[in-house]
Amino acid sequence: MRLKPAFKFVALVLAISSLSACAPQLVLPGPNITEPKITATSLIMTDGAALPLHRWQPNDKSPKAVILALHGFNDYGLFVKEGAKYFANRGLLVYAYDQRGFGAAPHHGRWPGRKALADDLISATKLIRSNHPNKPLYLLGTSMGGAVMMTAMTRRKPPHVDGIILAAPAVWGRDSMAFYERWALGLLSHTLPWVTLSGRGLKIKPSDNIEMLRALGRDPLIIKETRIDTIWGLANLMDEAAAEAAKFRSKALILYGERDEVIKKAPTEKMLARLPKSTASKRKLIRYKNGYHMLLRDLQAKNVWRDIAEWIDNK
């Protein structure tokens, strides 16, 4: 007997589901064995994980403020290198680190859980604040880094900072995804979590800076093939960031490119609409008509750097 197409589809789903009873295979932090500390090259977390640390010092050695920058998905701490040089020339000290699972941090390509990423940010903020107790401290997060910051700042005890800069924050929650995207991600993350996917063929343009994108393609620390359970973890983080927007009351500069093809306009507008109206006077939104997702590295990145530096100067 020949199966009708609908029955074939159901049979295929059941066959895939029976391959494994796997759950997403995260690499969570280990037990607490030490106090967090900062070294010349790393941030040491409570479980002993060493997160590579990058810094750019102003020429006069006496910064007027400090920025802690947090990279996006599949990227790492040097994402802010060119912008950090600009900020250093404006008297700002910039730190950035490779988050767990990314860059040269432990467990490259594996998802550590959104709680771990927020915990690390809180620890990093405390360490840098203790190193510069009398300087204003600002957080600068792009894409996934922005989502991590939103979740950290909406905790009951958020880190003590003077302002947040969110550049194209990753807020593409499941409520903005098509049903088949949610369904496929849920199924595959619980049956074939180790399978890797690339962005090839999606025809998404993350930036108009083609030379920069080609350089990233040659960089061995940039993740090009992503495990499905890592994508699932990112979706969970974006879900939380989008939902917690209603509790985000921090002083903030929010930046968005009108040509962003990664975090599109609809979920971004939904997140902006959720922000508390009672604290609207503490936020500034800048839209860039020709801006793409990678605002800090687009061809017009200098405009973005200038806007960030001026916002900090005016605080």
C-alpha atoms as a PDB file:
ATOM      1  CA  MET A   1       0.000   0.000   0.000  1.00  0.00           C
ATOM      2  CA  ARG A   2       1.333   3.419  -0.935  1.00  0.00           C
ATOM      3  CA  LEU A   3       1.263   6.075   1.774  1.00  0.00           C
ATOM      4  CA  LYS A   4      -0.325   9.432   1.048  1.00  0.00           C
ATOM      5  CA  PRO A   5       2.032  12.466   1.373  1.00  0.00           C
ATOM      6  CA  ALA A   6       0.525  13.514   4.717  1.00  0.00           C
ATOM      7  CA  PHE A   7       1.132  10.061   6.184  1.00  0.00           C
ATOM      8  CA  LYS A   8       4.657  10.021   4.781  1.00  0.00           C
ATOM      9  CA  PHE A   9       5.357  13.314   6.547  1.00  0.00           C
ATOM     10  CA  VAL A  10       4.051  11.979   9.873  1.00  0.00           C
ATOM     11  CA  ALA A  11       6.086   8.801   9.432  1.00  0.00           C
ATOM     12  CA  LEU A  12       9.224  10.856   8.764  1.00  0.00           C
ATOM     13  CA  VAL A  13       8.664  12.955  11.898  1.00  0.00           C
ATOM     14  CA  LEU A  14       8.165   9.824  14.004  1.00  0.00           C
ATOM     15  CA  ALA A  15      11.285   8.264  12.521  1.00  0.00           C
ATOM     16  CA  ILE A  16      13.380  11.319  13.320  1.00  0.00           C
ATOM     17  CA  SER A  17      11.927  11.537  16.799  1.00  0.00           C
ATOM     18  CA  SER A  18      12.797   7.906  17.475  1.00  0.00           C
ATOM     19  CA  LEU A  19      16.461   8.405  16.551  1.00  0.00           C
ATOM     20  CA  SER A  20      17.265   9.687  19.977  1.00  0.00           C
ATOM     21  CA  ALA A  21      15.780  10.831  23.219  1.00  0.00           C
ATOM     22  CA  CYS A  22      18.440  13.524  23.414  1.00  0.00           C
ATOM     23  CA  ALA A  23      18.024  16.869  25.052  1.00  0.00           C
ATOM     24  CA  PRO A  24      20.125  19.872  24.029  1.00  0.00           C
ATOM     25  CA  GLN A  25      23.658  19.166  25.211  1.00  0.00           C
ATOM     26  CA  LEU A  26      24.781  22.313  27.017  1.00  0.00           C
ATOM     27  CA  VAL A  27      28.166  22.765  28.682  1.00  0.00           C
ATOM     28  CA  LEU A  28      27.235  24.462  31.927  1.00  0.00           C
ATOM     29  CA  PRO A  29      29.720  26.100  34.317  1.00  0.00           C
ATOM     30  CA  GLY A  30      31.393  23.881  36.894  1.00  0.00           C
ATOM     31  CA  PRO A  31      31.121  24.223  40.680  1.00  0.00           C
ATOM     32  CA  ASN A  32      32.395  27.334  42.427  1.00  0.00           C
ATOM     33  CA  ILE A  33      36.047  26.837  43.314  1.00  0.00           C
ATOM     34  CA  THR A  34      37.470  30.356  43.446  1.00  0.00           C
ATOM     35  CA  GLU A  35      36.661  34.028  43.762  1.00  0.00           C
ATOM     36  CA  PRO A  36      36.353  35.899  40.437  1.00  0.00           C
ATOM     37  CA  LYS A  37      39.483  37.841  39.528  1.00  0.00           C
ATOM     38  CA  ILE A  38      40.933  39.876  36.708  1.00  0.00           C
ATOM     39  CA  THR A  39      44.402  39.328  35.244  1.00  0.00           C
ATOM     40  CA  ALA A  40      46.312  41.001  32.445  1.00  0.00           C
ATOM     41  CA  THR A  41      44.840  38.572  29.911  1.00  0.00           C
ATOM     42  CA  SER A  42      41.729  36.981  31.420  1.00  0.00           C
ATOM     43  CA  LEU A  43      38.674  37.209  33.586  1.00  0.00           C
ATOM     44  CA  ILE A  44      38.644  34.239  35.938  1.00  0.00           C
ATOM     45  CA  MET A  45      35.129  33.128  36.846  1.00  0.00           C
ATOM     46  CA  THR A  46      34.010  31.304  39.998  1.00  0.00           C
ATOM     47  CA  ASP A  47      34.363  27.876  38.362  1.00  0.00           C
ATOM     48  CA  GLY A  48      37.919  28.690  37.258  1.00  0.00           C
ATOM     49  CA  ALA A  49      37.000  29.346  33.605  1.00  0.00           C
ATOM     50  CA  ALA A  50      39.400  31.849  32.019  1.00  0.00           C
ATOM     51  CA  LEU A  51      37.647  34.198  29.620  1.00  0.00           C
ATOM     52  CA  PRO A  52      40.140  35.986  27.323  1.00  0.00           C
ATOM     53  CA  LEU A  53      40.230  39.699  28.078  1.00  0.00           C
ATOM     54  CA  HIS A  54      41.011  42.506  25.620  1.00  0.00           C
ATOM     55  CA  ARG A  55      41.584  46.165  26.540  1.00  0.00           C
ATOM     56  CA  TRP A  56      42.292  49.462  24.826  1.00  0.00           C
ATOM     57  CA  GLN A  57      43.805  52.190  26.983  1.00  0.00           C
ATOM     58  CA  PRO A  58      43.615  55.941  26.286  1.00  0.00           C
ATOM     59  CA  ASN A  59      46.946  57.547  25.461  1.00  0.00           C
ATOM     60  CA  ASP A  60      46.869  59.764  28.543  1.00  0.00           C
ATOM     61  CA  LYS A  61      46.413  56.647  30.759  1.00  0.00           C
ATOM     62  CA  SER A  62      43.694  58.396  32.776  1.00  0.00           C
ATOM     63  CA  PRO A  63      40.304  57.509  31.276  1.00  0.00           C
ATOM     64  CA  LYS A  64      37.286  59.695  31.844  1.00  0.00           C
ATOM     65  CA  ALA A  65      35.014  56.622  31.658  1.00  0.00           C
ATOM     66  CA  VAL A  66      35.148  52.867  31.095  1.00  0.00           C
ATOM     67  CA  ILE A  67      33.276  50.711  28.580  1.00  0.00           C
ATOM     68  CA  LEU A  68      32.768  46.957  28.928  1.00  0.00           C
ATOM     69  CA  ALA A  69      31.821  45.567  25.514  1.00  0.00           C
ATOM     70  CA  LEU A  70      30.092  42.256  24.864  1.00  0.00           C
ATOM     71  CA  HIS A  71      30.150  40.540  21.485  1.00  0.00           C
ATOM     72  CA  GLY A  72      27.415  38.889  19.455  1.00  0.00           C
ATOM     73  CA  PHE A  73      26.662  35.296  18.478  1.00  0.00           C
ATOM     74  CA  ASN A  74      29.576  33.278  17.019  1.00  0.00           C
ATOM     75  CA  ASP A  75      31.847  36.312  17.447  1.00  0.00           C
ATOM     76  CA  TYR A  76      34.385  37.185  20.155  1.00  0.00           C
ATOM     77  CA  GLY A  77      35.978  40.067  22.036  1.00  0.00           C
ATOM     78  CA  LEU A  78      37.890  41.663  19.167  1.00  0.00           C
ATOM     79  CA  PHE A  79      34.606  42.615  17.495  1.00  0.00           C
ATOM     80  CA  VAL A  80      35.017  46.079  18.998  1.00  0.00           C
ATOM     81  CA  LYS A  81      38.690  46.565  18.105  1.00  0.00           C
ATOM     82  CA  GLU A  82      38.328  49.407  15.598  1.00  0.00           C
ATOM     83  CA  GLY A  83      35.646  51.138  17.608  1.00  0.00           C
ATOM     84  CA  ALA A  84      37.698  50.743  20.787  1.00  0.00           C
ATOM     85  CA  LYS A  85      40.624  52.572  19.177  1.00  0.00           C
ATOM     86  CA  TYR A  86      38.274  55.443  18.389  1.00  0.00           C
ATOM     87  CA  PHE A  87      36.895  55.426  21.948  1.00  0.00           C
ATOM     88  CA  ALA A  88      40.415  55.354  23.403  1.00  0.00           C
ATOM     89  CA  ASN A  89      41.234  58.488  21.411  1.00  0.00           C
ATOM     90  CA  ARG A  90      38.178  60.076  23.029  1.00  0.00           C
ATOM     91  CA  GLY A  91      39.528  59.262  26.501  1.00  0.00           C
ATOM     92  CA  LEU A  92      37.551  56.074  27.106  1.00  0.00           C
ATOM     93  CA  LEU A  93      39.044  52.836  28.404  1.00  0.00           C
ATOM     94  CA  VAL A  94      37.510  49.795  26.694  1.00  0.00           C
ATOM     95  CA  TYR A  95      37.375  46.211  27.902  1.00  0.00           C
ATOM     96  CA  ALA A  96      35.909  43.244  26.045  1.00  0.00           C
ATOM     97  CA  TYR A  97      36.028  39.520  26.701  1.00  0.00           C
ATOM     98  CA  ASP A  98      35.272  36.280  24.893  1.00  0.00           C
ATOM     99  CA  GLN A  99      32.111  34.771  26.346  1.00  0.00           C
ATOM    100  CA  ARG A 100      31.932  31.076  27.237  1.00  0.00           C
ATOM    101  CA  GLY A 101      31.708  28.939  24.121  1.00  0.00           C
ATOM    102  CA  PHE A 102      33.010  31.671  21.827  1.00  0.00           C
ATOM    103  CA  GLY A 103      36.386  32.904  20.599  1.00  0.00           C
ATOM    104  CA  ALA A 104      39.222  31.471  22.668  1.00  0.00           C
ATOM    105  CA  ALA A 105      37.058  30.905  25.753  1.00  0.00           C
ATOM    106  CA  PRO A 106      36.521  27.336  26.999  1.00  0.00           C
ATOM    107  CA  HIS A 107      34.284  24.911  25.060  1.00  0.00           C
ATOM    108  CA  HIS A 108      34.351  26.647  21.687  1.00  0.00           C
ATOM    109  CA  GLY A 109      31.035  26.245  19.879  1.00  0.00           C
ATOM    110  CA  ARG A 110      29.071  24.888  22.851  1.00  0.00           C
ATOM    111  CA  TRP A 111      26.232  26.745  24.570  1.00  0.00           C
ATOM    112  CA  PRO A 112      26.788  27.445  28.300  1.00  0.00           C
ATOM    113  CA  GLY A 113      23.232  28.505  29.154  1.00  0.00           C
ATOM    114  CA  ARG A 114      21.845  32.027  29.288  1.00  0.00           C
ATOM    115  CA  LYS A 115      22.151  32.185  33.076  1.00  0.00           C
ATOM    116  CA  ALA A 116      25.890  31.519  32.844  1.00  0.00           C
ATOM    117  CA  LEU A 117      26.367  34.318  30.308  1.00  0.00           C
ATOM    118  CA  ALA A 118      24.509  36.798  32.521  1.00  0.00           C
ATOM    119  CA  ASP A 119      26.360  35.608  35.635  1.00  0.00           C
ATOM    120  CA  ASP A 120      29.694  36.108  33.872  1.00  0.00           C
ATOM    121  CA  LEU A 121      28.696  39.627  32.832  1.00  0.00           C
ATOM    122  CA  ILE A 122      27.740  40.506  36.398  1.00  0.00           C
ATOM    123  CA  SER A 123      31.055  39.155  37.696  1.00  0.00           C
ATOM    124  CA  ALA A 124      33.003  40.964  34.966  1.00  0.00           C
ATOM    125  CA  THR A 125      31.226  44.223  35.762  1.00  0.00           C
ATOM    126  CA  LYS A 126      32.086  43.930  39.460  1.00  0.00           C
ATOM    127  CA  LEU A 127      35.746  43.187  38.669  1.00  0.00           C
ATOM    128  CA  ILE A 128      36.114  46.132  36.313  1.00  0.00           C
ATOM    129  CA  ARG A 129      34.220  48.427  38.669  1.00  0.00           C
ATOM    130  CA  SER A 130      36.619  47.452  41.473  1.00  0.00           C
ATOM    131  CA  ASN A 131      39.601  48.252  39.214  1.00  0.00           C
ATOM    132  CA  HIS A 132      38.165  51.693  38.365  1.00  0.00           C
ATOM    133  CA  PRO A 133      36.005  52.625  41.380  1.00  0.00           C
ATOM    134  CA  ASN A 134      35.824  56.347  40.608  1.00  0.00           C
ATOM    135  CA  LYS A 135      35.100  56.139  36.886  1.00  0.00           C
ATOM    136  CA  PRO A 136      31.709  55.927  35.186  1.00  0.00           C
ATOM    137  CA  LEU A 137      31.165  52.441  33.757  1.00  0.00           C
ATOM    138  CA  TYR A 138      29.077  51.723  30.661  1.00  0.00           C
ATOM    139  CA  LEU A 139      28.066  48.417  29.100  1.00  0.00           C
ATOM    140  CA  LEU A 140      28.092  48.114  25.298  1.00  0.00           C
ATOM    141  CA  GLY A 141      26.405  45.018  23.887  1.00  0.00           C
ATOM    142  CA  THR A 142      25.849  44.098  20.275  1.00  0.00           C
ATOM    143  CA  SER A 143      23.295  41.524  19.114  1.00  0.00           C
ATOM    144  CA  MET A 144      23.568  38.527  21.499  1.00  0.00           C
ATOM    145  CA  GLY A 145      25.698  40.650  23.830  1.00  0.00           C
ATOM    146  CA  GLY A 146      22.845  43.135  24.035  1.00  0.00           C
ATOM    147  CA  ALA A 147      20.411  40.348  24.904  1.00  0.00           C
ATOM    148  CA  VAL A 148      22.723  39.135  27.685  1.00  0.00           C
ATOM    149  CA  MET A 149      22.840  42.678  29.062  1.00  0.00           C
ATOM    150  CA  MET A 150      19.067  43.047  28.985  1.00  0.00           C
ATOM    151  CA  THR A 151      18.614  39.836  30.974  1.00  0.00           C
ATOM    152  CA  ALA A 152      21.323  40.807  33.479  1.00  0.00           C
ATOM    153  CA  MET A 153      19.928  44.303  34.003  1.00  0.00           C
ATOM    154  CA  THR A 154      16.399  43.036  34.696  1.00  0.00           C
ATOM    155  CA  ARG A 155      17.476  40.762  37.545  1.00  0.00           C
ATOM    156  CA  ARG A 156      16.495  41.557  41.113  1.00  0.00           C
ATOM    157  CA  LYS A 157      20.084  42.681  41.779  1.00  0.00           C
ATOM    158  CA  PRO A 158      21.419  44.050  38.461  1.00  0.00           C
ATOM    159  CA  PRO A 159      25.059  45.093  38.053  1.00  0.00           C
ATOM    160  CA  HIS A 160      25.875  48.659  39.050  1.00  0.00           C
ATOM    161  CA  VAL A 161      26.628  50.627  35.880  1.00  0.00           C
ATOM    162  CA  ASP A 162      26.079  54.184  34.667  1.00  0.00           C
ATOM    163  CA  GLY A 163      24.412  53.298  31.383  1.00  0.00           C
ATOM    164  CA  ILE A 164      23.754  50.621  28.775  1.00  0.00           C
ATOM    165  CA  ILE A 165      24.391  50.815  25.035  1.00  0.00           C
ATOM    166  CA  LEU A 166      22.463  48.247  22.983  1.00  0.00           C
ATOM    167  CA  ALA A 167      23.496  47.931  19.334  1.00  0.00           C
ATOM    168  CA  ALA A 168      20.969  45.834  17.385  1.00  0.00           C
ATOM    169  CA  PRO A 169      20.068  43.730  20.438  1.00  0.00           C
ATOM    170  CA  ALA A 170      19.070  40.117  19.700  1.00  0.00           C
ATOM    171  CA  VAL A 171      15.360  40.141  20.596  1.00  0.00           C
ATOM    172  CA  TRP A 172      14.000  37.821  17.900  1.00  0.00           C
ATOM    173  CA  GLY A 173      11.964  35.767  20.352  1.00  0.00           C
ATOM    174  CA  ARG A 174       9.847  32.769  19.446  1.00  0.00           C
ATOM    175  CA  ASP A 175       6.710  34.900  19.475  1.00  0.00           C
ATOM    176  CA  SER A 176       8.133  36.623  16.385  1.00  0.00           C
ATOM    177  CA  MET A 177       9.114  33.390  14.615  1.00  0.00           C
ATOM    178  CA  ALA A 178       6.950  31.505  12.134  1.00  0.00           C
ATOM    179  CA  PHE A 179       5.368  28.358  13.580  1.00  0.00           C
ATOM    180  CA  TYR A 180       7.494  26.095  11.365  1.00  0.00           C
ATOM    181  CA  GLU A 181      10.673  27.781  12.612  1.00  0.00           C
ATOM    182  CA  ARG A 182       9.664  27.165  16.228  1.00  0.00           C
ATOM    183  CA  TRP A 183       8.598  23.612  15.456  1.00  0.00           C
ATOM    184  CA  ALA A 184      11.768  22.688  13.557  1.00  0.00           C
ATOM    185  CA  LEU A 185      14.063  24.189  16.186  1.00  0.00           C
ATOM    186  CA  GLY A 186      12.267  22.394  19.009  1.00  0.00           C
ATOM    187  CA  LEU A 187      12.295  19.042  17.209  1.00  0.00           C
ATOM    188  CA  LEU A 188      15.875  19.119  15.970  1.00  0.00           C
ATOM    189  CA  SER A 189      17.355  20.456  19.223  1.00  0.00           C
ATOM    190  CA  HIS A 190      15.847  17.464  21.056  1.00  0.00           C
ATOM    191  CA  THR A 191      16.693  14.804  18.470  1.00  0.00           C
ATOM    192  CA  LEU A 192      19.819  15.877  16.601  1.00  0.00           C
ATOM    193  CA  PRO A 193      21.383  18.545  18.855  1.00  0.00           C
ATOM    194  CA  TRP A 194      24.924  17.903  17.580  1.00  0.00           C
ATOM    195  CA  VAL A 195      24.125  18.634  13.929  1.00  0.00           C
ATOM    196  CA  THR A 196      25.719  21.860  12.703  1.00  0.00           C
ATOM    197  CA  LEU A 197      24.293  24.462  10.362  1.00  0.00           C
ATOM    198  CA  SER A 198      25.836  27.389   8.521  1.00  0.00           C
ATOM    199  CA  GLY A 199      24.354  30.611   7.223  1.00  0.00           C
ATOM    200  CA  ARG A 200      25.388  29.851   3.652  1.00  0.00           C
ATOM    201  CA  GLY A 201      22.527  30.082   1.225  1.00  0.00           C
ATOM    202  CA  LEU A 202      20.324  32.236   3.464  1.00  0.00           C
ATOM    203  CA  LYS A 203      21.158  35.380   1.472  1.00  0.00           C
ATOM    204  CA  ILE A 204      21.291  37.496   4.627  1.00  0.00           C
ATOM    205  CA  LYS A 205      23.512  40.560   4.463  1.00  0.00           C
ATOM    206  CA  PRO A 206      24.805  41.318   7.982  1.00  0.00           C
ATOM    207  CA  SER A 207      26.855  44.347   6.918  1.00  0.00           C
ATOM    208  CA  ASP A 208      27.802  46.462   3.924  1.00  0.00           C
ATOM    209  CA  ASN A 209      31.472  46.197   4.931  1.00  0.00           C
ATOM    210  CA  ILE A 210      32.433  43.351   2.600  1.00  0.00           C
ATOM    211  CA  GLU A 211      36.157  43.425   3.364  1.00  0.00           C
ATOM    212  CA  MET A 212      35.409  43.043   7.066  1.00  0.00           C
ATOM    213  CA  LEU A 213      33.071  40.108   6.389  1.00  0.00           C
ATOM    214  CA  ARG A 214      35.730  38.384   4.297  1.00  0.00           C
ATOM    215  CA  ALA A 215      38.252  38.836   7.103  1.00  0.00           C
ATOM    216  CA  LEU A 216      35.807  37.242   9.546  1.00  0.00           C
ATOM    217  CA  GLY A 217      35.480  34.327   7.153  1.00  0.00           C
ATOM    218  CA  ARG A 218      39.228  33.750   7.456  1.00  0.00           C
ATOM    219  CA  ASP A 219      39.311  34.134  11.239  1.00  0.00           C
ATOM    220  CA  PRO A 220      39.517  30.695  12.932  1.00  0.00           C
ATOM    221  CA  LEU A 221      37.928  32.041  16.118  1.00  0.00           C
ATOM    222  CA  ILE A 222      34.718  32.989  14.311  1.00  0.00           C
ATOM    223  CA  ILE A 223      32.251  30.091  14.424  1.00  0.00           C
ATOM    224  CA  LYS A 224      30.996  29.237  10.943  1.00  0.00           C
ATOM    225  CA  GLU A 225      29.168  25.952  11.646  1.00  0.00           C
ATOM    226  CA  THR A 226      26.769  26.176  14.600  1.00  0.00           C
ATOM    227  CA  ARG A 227      25.320  23.289  16.584  1.00  0.00           C
ATOM    228  CA  ILE A 228      21.530  23.148  16.636  1.00  0.00           C
ATOM    229  CA  ASP A 229      21.429  23.074  20.432  1.00  0.00           C
ATOM    230  CA  THR A 230      23.494  26.274  20.472  1.00  0.00           C
ATOM    231  CA  ILE A 231      20.944  27.921  18.179  1.00  0.00           C
ATOM    232  CA  TRP A 232      18.231  26.634  20.531  1.00  0.00           C
ATOM    233  CA  GLY A 233      20.070  28.229  23.450  1.00  0.00           C
ATOM    234  CA  LEU A 234      20.290  31.534  21.614  1.00  0.00           C
ATOM    235  CA  ALA A 235      16.545  31.383  20.943  1.00  0.00           C
ATOM    236  CA  ASN A 236      15.940  30.919  24.674  1.00  0.00           C
ATOM    237  CA  LEU A 237      18.116  33.943  25.417  1.00  0.00           C
ATOM    238  CA  MET A 238      16.277  36.058  22.848  1.00  0.00           C
ATOM    239  CA  ASP A 239      12.949  34.907  24.300  1.00  0.00           C
ATOM    240  CA  GLU A 240      14.017  36.088  27.735  1.00  0.00           C
ATOM    241  CA  ALA A 241      15.438  39.397  26.518  1.00  0.00           C
ATOM    242  CA  ALA A 242      12.272  40.175  24.557  1.00  0.00           C
ATOM    243  CA  ALA A 243      10.002  39.261  27.473  1.00  0.00           C
ATOM    244  CA  GLU A 244      12.072  41.079  30.091  1.00  0.00           C
ATOM    245  CA  ALA A 245      12.042  44.314  28.079  1.00  0.00           C
ATOM    246  CA  ALA A 246       9.044  45.334  30.176  1.00  0.00           C
ATOM    247  CA  LYS A 247      11.349  45.419  33.216  1.00  0.00           C
ATOM    248  CA  PHE A 248      14.280  47.164  31.514  1.00  0.00           C
ATOM    249  CA  ARG A 249      14.508  50.514  33.310  1.00  0.00           C
ATOM    250  CA  SER A 250      18.192  51.288  32.829  1.00  0.00           C
ATOM    251  CA  LYS A 251      19.591  54.483  31.369  1.00  0.00           C
ATOM    252  CA  ALA A 252      20.191  53.349  27.814  1.00  0.00           C
ATOM    253  CA  LEU A 253      21.218  54.250  24.295  1.00  0.00           C
ATOM    254  CA  ILE A 254      19.550  51.917  21.789  1.00  0.00           C
ATOM    255  CA  LEU A 255      20.911  51.723  18.247  1.00  0.00           C
ATOM    256  CA  TYR A 256      19.229  50.041  15.280  1.00  0.00           C
ATOM    257  CA  GLY A 257      19.981  49.827  11.555  1.00  0.00           C
ATOM    258  CA  GLU A 258      16.971  50.129   9.263  1.00  0.00           C
ATOM    259  CA  ARG A 259      18.611  47.597   6.907  1.00  0.00           C
ATOM    260  CA  ASP A 260      19.149  44.972   9.593  1.00  0.00           C
ATOM    261  CA  GLU A 261      18.421  41.580   7.995  1.00  0.00           C
ATOM    262  CA  VAL A 262      19.388  39.521  11.077  1.00  0.00           C
ATOM    263  CA  ILE A 263      17.198  40.998  13.837  1.00  0.00           C
ATOM    264  CA  LYS A 264      14.472  42.428  11.690  1.00  0.00           C
ATOM    265  CA  LYS A 265      12.291  45.421  12.347  1.00  0.00           C
ATOM    266  CA  ALA A 266       9.150  43.644  13.626  1.00  0.00           C
ATOM    267  CA  PRO A 267      10.701  41.956  16.711  1.00  0.00           C
ATOM    268  CA  THR A 268      12.755  45.066  17.425  1.00  0.00           C
ATOM    269  CA  GLU A 269       9.656  47.274  17.341  1.00  0.00           C
ATOM    270  CA  LYS A 270       7.863  44.777  19.582  1.00  0.00           C
ATOM    271  CA  MET A 271      10.711  44.984  22.103  1.00  0.00           C
ATOM    272  CA  LEU A 272      10.744  48.787  21.982  1.00  0.00           C
ATOM    273  CA  ALA A 273       6.985  48.880  22.592  1.00  0.00           C
ATOM    274  CA  ARG A 274       7.434  46.716  25.700  1.00  0.00           C
ATOM    275  CA  LEU A 275       9.940  49.060  27.345  1.00  0.00           C
ATOM    276  CA  PRO A 276       8.483  50.827  30.395  1.00  0.00           C
ATOM    277  CA  LYS A 277       6.947  54.156  29.470  1.00  0.00           C
ATOM    278  CA  SER A 278       7.714  55.445  32.966  1.00  0.00           C
ATOM    279  CA  THR A 279      11.449  55.428  32.220  1.00  0.00           C
ATOM    280  CA  ALA A 280      11.282  56.649  28.608  1.00  0.00           C
ATOM    281  CA  SER A 281      13.164  59.846  29.513  1.00  0.00           C
ATOM    282  CA  LYS A 282      16.196  57.718  30.476  1.00  0.00           C
ATOM    283  CA  ARG A 283      16.478  56.173  27.011  1.00  0.00           C
ATOM    284  CA  LYS A 284      17.604  57.443  23.636  1.00  0.00           C
ATOM    285  CA  LEU A 285      16.913  55.631  20.370  1.00  0.00           C
ATOM    286  CA  ILE A 286      18.954  56.249  17.228  1.00  0.00           C
ATOM    287  CA  ARG A 287      17.979  54.664  13.928  1.00  0.00           C
ATOM    288  CA  TYR A 288      20.456  54.493  11.047  1.00  0.00           C
ATOM    289  CA  LYS A 289      18.829  54.620   7.638  1.00  0.00           C
ATOM    290  CA  ASN A 290      21.747  52.815   5.981  1.00  0.00           C
ATOM    291  CA  GLY A 291      22.729  50.708   8.988  1.00  0.00           C
ATOM    292  CA  TYR A 292      22.924  46.916   8.935  1.00  0.00           C
ATOM    293  CA  HIS A 293      23.110  44.436  11.814  1.00  0.00           C
ATOM    294  CA  MET A 294      26.819  44.903  12.453  1.00  0.00           C
ATOM    295  CA  LEU A 295      26.496  48.603  13.222  1.00  0.00           C
ATOM    296  CA  LEU A 296      29.864  48.852  14.965  1.00  0.00           C
ATOM    297  CA  ARG A 297      31.638  47.501  11.855  1.00  0.00           C
ATOM    298  CA  ASP A 298      29.481  48.764   8.975  1.00  0.00           C
ATOM    299  CA  LEU A 299      30.929  51.237   6.487  1.00  0.00           C
ATOM    300  CA  GLN A 300      29.230  54.017   8.475  1.00  0.00           C
ATOM    301  CA  ALA A 301      30.552  52.680  11.806  1.00  0.00           C
ATOM    302  CA  LYS A 302      32.313  55.968  12.618  1.00  0.00           C
ATOM    303  CA  ASN A 303      28.918  57.652  12.874  1.00  0.00           C
ATOM    304  CA  VAL A 304      27.847  55.014  15.397  1.00  0.00           C
ATOM    305  CA  TRP A 305      31.090  55.336  17.403  1.00  0.00           C
ATOM    306  CA  ARG A 306      30.656  59.119  17.484  1.00  0.00           C
ATOM    307  CA  ASP A 307      27.068  58.835  18.708  1.00  0.00           C
ATOM    308  CA  ILE A 308      28.133  56.469  21.480  1.00  0.00           C
ATOM    309  CA  ALA A 309      31.011  58.680  22.585  1.00  0.00           C
ATOM    310  CA  GLU A 310      28.829  61.813  22.566  1.00  0.00           C
ATOM    311  CA  TRP A 311      26.096  60.075  24.564  1.00  0.00           C
ATOM    312  CA  ILE A 312      28.653  59.087  27.199  1.00  0.00           C
ATOM    313  CA  ASP A 313      30.157  62.612  27.226  1.00  0.00           C
ATOM    314  CA  ASN A 314      26.710  64.101  27.857  1.00  0.00           C
ATOM    315  CA  LYS A 315      25.866  61.875  30.820  1.00  0.00           C
END
